[in-house]
């Protein structure tokens, strides 16, 4: 039986350690939405903190609007 491996970021590249996609990848997003299902504000604060860290690690390699879409836009309430 395969063991679940959490899709977490590899720093400083901010790629998923499991699938190699830009983090947060789809499985990570799904897991985060489940974990924070009762606290969307907490999720956005957490992701904003990670986005700030990623901006520092990526040091201008990704534009600010791309990081915003990648880390925050998908998590907002619809």
N, C-alpha and C. Protein backbone atom coordinates (compact mmCIF):
# COMPACT_ATOMS: atom_id res chain seq x y z
N UNK A 1 0.85 -1.17 0.00
CA UNK A 1 0.00 0.00 0.00
C UNK A 1 0.90 1.24 0.00
N UNK A 2 0.70 2.15 -0.96
CA UNK A 2 1.55 3.35 -1.02
C UNK A 2 1.31 4.26 0.18
N UNK A 3 2.37 4.83 0.64
CA UNK A 3 2.31 5.75 1.77
C UNK A 3 2.15 7.17 1.25
N UNK A 4 1.26 7.95 1.86
CA UNK A 4 1.04 9.33 1.45
C UNK A 4 2.25 10.18 1.81
N UNK A 5 2.72 10.95 0.87
CA UNK A 5 3.82 11.88 1.12
C UNK A 5 3.27 13.29 0.99
N UNK A 6 3.38 14.11 2.02
CA UNK A 6 2.85 15.47 1.94
C UNK A 6 3.60 16.29 0.89
N UNK A 7 2.86 17.08 0.16
CA UNK A 7 3.42 17.95 -0.87
C UNK A 7 3.86 19.25 -0.19
N UNK A 8 5.14 19.32 0.14
CA UNK A 8 5.70 20.48 0.84
C UNK A 8 6.75 21.15 -0.05
N UNK A 9 7.03 22.39 0.26
CA UNK A 9 7.97 23.18 -0.54
C UNK A 9 9.41 22.83 -0.22
N UNK A 10 10.21 22.78 -1.25
CA UNK A 10 11.66 22.66 -1.11
C UNK A 10 12.23 24.07 -1.24
N UNK A 11 12.86 24.51 -0.19
CA UNK A 11 13.43 25.86 -0.24
C UNK A 11 14.90 25.77 -0.59
N UNK A 12 15.43 26.68 -1.34
CA UNK A 12 14.91 27.99 -1.73
C UNK A 12 14.21 28.01 -3.08
N UNK A 13 14.01 26.86 -3.72
CA UNK A 13 13.41 26.87 -5.07
C UNK A 13 11.90 27.02 -5.06
N UNK A 14 11.26 26.69 -3.94
CA UNK A 14 9.81 26.73 -3.81
C UNK A 14 9.13 25.84 -4.84
N UNK A 15 9.74 24.66 -5.08
CA UNK A 15 9.14 23.61 -5.89
C UNK A 15 8.69 22.52 -4.92
N UNK A 16 7.67 21.78 -5.31
CA UNK A 16 7.16 20.70 -4.46
C UNK A 16 8.19 19.58 -4.37
N UNK A 17 8.42 19.09 -3.16
CA UNK A 17 9.38 18.00 -2.95
C UNK A 17 8.90 16.68 -3.54
N UNK A 18 7.59 16.54 -3.75
CA UNK A 18 7.03 15.28 -4.23
C UNK A 18 6.86 15.29 -5.75
N UNK A 19 6.17 16.32 -6.28
CA UNK A 19 5.83 16.31 -7.70
C UNK A 19 6.67 17.27 -8.54
N UNK A 20 7.41 18.18 -7.91
CA UNK A 20 8.28 19.10 -8.63
C UNK A 20 7.59 20.33 -9.20
N UNK A 21 6.28 20.45 -9.00
CA UNK A 21 5.55 21.62 -9.50
C UNK A 21 5.82 22.83 -8.61
N UNK A 22 5.52 24.00 -9.14
CA UNK A 22 5.63 25.22 -8.33
C UNK A 22 4.72 25.07 -7.11
N UNK A 23 5.29 25.33 -5.93
CA UNK A 23 4.51 25.16 -4.70
C UNK A 23 3.79 26.46 -4.36
N UNK A 24 2.55 26.42 -3.90
CA UNK A 24 1.76 25.25 -3.58
C UNK A 24 1.16 24.60 -4.82
N UNK A 25 1.46 23.33 -5.02
CA UNK A 25 0.94 22.55 -6.14
C UNK A 25 -0.52 22.20 -5.83
N UNK A 26 -1.20 21.60 -6.78
CA UNK A 26 -2.62 21.26 -6.59
C UNK A 26 -2.87 20.38 -5.37
N UNK A 27 -2.09 19.30 -5.15
CA UNK A 27 -2.33 18.50 -3.94
C UNK A 27 -2.08 19.29 -2.65
N UNK A 28 -1.09 20.18 -2.66
CA UNK A 28 -0.82 21.00 -1.46
C UNK A 28 -1.97 21.96 -1.22
N UNK A 29 -2.50 22.55 -2.28
CA UNK A 29 -3.64 23.47 -2.14
C UNK A 29 -4.84 22.74 -1.56
N UNK A 30 -5.12 21.57 -2.08
CA UNK A 30 -6.24 20.79 -1.57
C UNK A 30 -6.05 20.45 -0.10
N UNK A 31 -4.85 20.05 0.28
CA UNK A 31 -4.58 19.73 1.68
C UNK A 31 -4.71 20.96 2.57
N UNK A 32 -4.22 22.11 2.10
CA UNK A 32 -4.33 23.35 2.88
C UNK A 32 -5.78 23.78 3.04
N UNK A 33 -6.57 23.67 1.98
CA UNK A 33 -7.99 24.02 2.09
C UNK A 33 -8.69 23.12 3.09
N UNK A 34 -8.35 21.86 3.12
CA UNK A 34 -8.93 20.95 4.10
C UNK A 34 -8.50 21.27 5.51
N UNK A 35 -7.22 21.55 5.67
CA UNK A 35 -6.68 21.85 7.00
C UNK A 35 -7.26 23.15 7.57
N UNK A 36 -7.49 24.13 6.72
CA UNK A 36 -7.97 25.44 7.15
C UNK A 36 -9.43 25.67 6.77
N UNK A 37 -10.21 24.61 6.58
CA UNK A 37 -11.58 24.77 6.09
C UNK A 37 -12.45 25.65 6.98
N UNK A 38 -12.14 25.71 8.25
CA UNK A 38 -12.92 26.54 9.18
C UNK A 38 -12.25 27.88 9.45
N UNK A 39 -11.13 28.16 8.79
CA UNK A 39 -10.38 29.38 9.10
C UNK A 39 -9.69 29.93 7.84
N UNK A 40 -10.49 30.45 6.92
CA UNK A 40 -9.93 30.96 5.67
C UNK A 40 -8.99 32.13 5.93
N UNK A 41 -9.30 32.97 6.91
CA UNK A 41 -8.42 34.10 7.23
C UNK A 41 -7.05 33.59 7.69
N UNK A 42 -7.05 32.58 8.54
CA UNK A 42 -5.80 31.98 8.99
C UNK A 42 -4.98 31.41 7.83
N UNK A 43 -5.67 30.79 6.87
CA UNK A 43 -4.99 30.26 5.69
C UNK A 43 -4.32 31.37 4.91
N UNK A 44 -5.03 32.47 4.70
CA UNK A 44 -4.47 33.58 3.93
C UNK A 44 -3.29 34.23 4.66
N UNK A 45 -3.36 34.32 5.97
CA UNK A 45 -2.24 34.86 6.75
C UNK A 45 -1.03 33.94 6.62
N UNK A 46 -1.26 32.64 6.75
CA UNK A 46 -0.18 31.65 6.62
C UNK A 46 0.45 31.73 5.23
N UNK A 47 -0.39 31.75 4.20
CA UNK A 47 0.13 31.81 2.83
C UNK A 47 0.83 33.13 2.54
N UNK A 48 0.34 34.22 3.12
CA UNK A 48 1.01 35.52 2.95
C UNK A 48 2.40 35.50 3.55
N UNK A 49 2.55 34.86 4.69
CA UNK A 49 3.86 34.73 5.32
C UNK A 49 4.80 33.90 4.46
N UNK A 50 4.28 32.80 3.91
CA UNK A 50 5.10 31.97 3.03
C UNK A 50 5.45 32.70 1.74
N UNK A 51 4.52 33.50 1.21
CA UNK A 51 4.79 34.28 0.01
C UNK A 51 5.93 35.28 0.26
N UNK A 52 5.92 35.90 1.42
CA UNK A 52 6.99 36.83 1.79
C UNK A 52 8.34 36.09 1.83
N UNK A 53 8.35 34.90 2.43
CA UNK A 53 9.58 34.10 2.47
C UNK A 53 10.03 33.71 1.07
N UNK A 54 9.08 33.31 0.22
CA UNK A 54 9.41 32.90 -1.15
C UNK A 54 9.97 34.08 -1.94
N UNK A 55 9.40 35.26 -1.75
CA UNK A 55 9.91 36.44 -2.46
C UNK A 55 11.37 36.69 -2.10
N UNK A 56 11.72 36.49 -0.84
CA UNK A 56 13.11 36.65 -0.43
C UNK A 56 14.01 35.56 -0.99
N UNK A 57 13.52 34.32 -0.95
CA UNK A 57 14.32 33.20 -1.46
C UNK A 57 14.51 33.27 -2.97
N UNK A 58 13.46 33.66 -3.68
CA UNK A 58 13.52 33.70 -5.14
C UNK A 58 14.20 34.96 -5.65
N UNK A 59 14.35 35.95 -4.78
CA UNK A 59 15.14 37.15 -5.06
C UNK A 59 14.90 37.75 -6.45
N UNK A 60 13.63 38.06 -6.74
CA UNK A 60 13.30 38.71 -8.00
C UNK A 60 13.12 37.78 -9.19
N UNK A 61 13.27 36.49 -9.00
CA UNK A 61 13.10 35.54 -10.11
C UNK A 61 11.64 35.39 -10.52
N UNK A 62 10.73 35.74 -9.63
CA UNK A 62 9.29 35.66 -9.92
C UNK A 62 8.68 37.03 -9.64
N UNK A 63 7.92 37.59 -10.59
CA UNK A 63 7.28 38.89 -10.36
C UNK A 63 6.27 38.82 -9.22
N UNK A 64 6.04 39.95 -8.58
CA UNK A 64 5.13 40.00 -7.43
C UNK A 64 3.73 39.52 -7.78
N UNK A 65 3.22 39.88 -8.96
CA UNK A 65 1.86 39.46 -9.32
C UNK A 65 1.78 37.94 -9.51
N UNK A 66 2.86 37.34 -9.99
CA UNK A 66 2.90 35.88 -10.14
C UNK A 66 2.89 35.21 -8.77
N UNK A 67 3.65 35.75 -7.83
CA UNK A 67 3.66 35.18 -6.48
C UNK A 67 2.31 35.35 -5.80
N UNK A 68 1.67 36.48 -6.03
CA UNK A 68 0.34 36.69 -5.45
C UNK A 68 -0.64 35.66 -5.97
N UNK A 69 -0.65 35.42 -7.27
CA UNK A 69 -1.54 34.40 -7.84
C UNK A 69 -1.19 33.02 -7.30
N UNK A 70 0.06 32.74 -7.23
CA UNK A 70 0.54 31.42 -6.81
C UNK A 70 0.20 31.13 -5.35
N UNK A 71 0.34 32.13 -4.48
CA UNK A 71 0.17 31.89 -3.06
C UNK A 71 -1.18 32.33 -2.49
N UNK A 72 -1.80 33.37 -3.04
CA UNK A 72 -2.98 33.92 -2.37
C UNK A 72 -4.28 33.87 -3.16
N UNK A 73 -4.23 34.22 -4.43
CA UNK A 73 -5.47 34.38 -5.19
C UNK A 73 -6.35 33.14 -5.17
N UNK A 74 -5.77 31.98 -5.32
CA UNK A 74 -6.55 30.74 -5.35
C UNK A 74 -7.26 30.45 -4.03
N UNK A 75 -6.74 31.00 -2.92
CA UNK A 75 -7.26 30.65 -1.59
C UNK A 75 -8.37 31.58 -1.11
N UNK A 76 -8.63 32.63 -1.86
CA UNK A 76 -9.69 33.56 -1.43
C UNK A 76 -11.06 32.89 -1.55
N UNK A 77 -11.98 33.34 -0.72
CA UNK A 77 -13.37 32.83 -0.79
C UNK A 77 -13.99 33.23 -2.12
N UNK A 78 -14.84 32.37 -2.62
CA UNK A 78 -15.51 32.68 -3.89
C UNK A 78 -16.95 33.03 -3.67
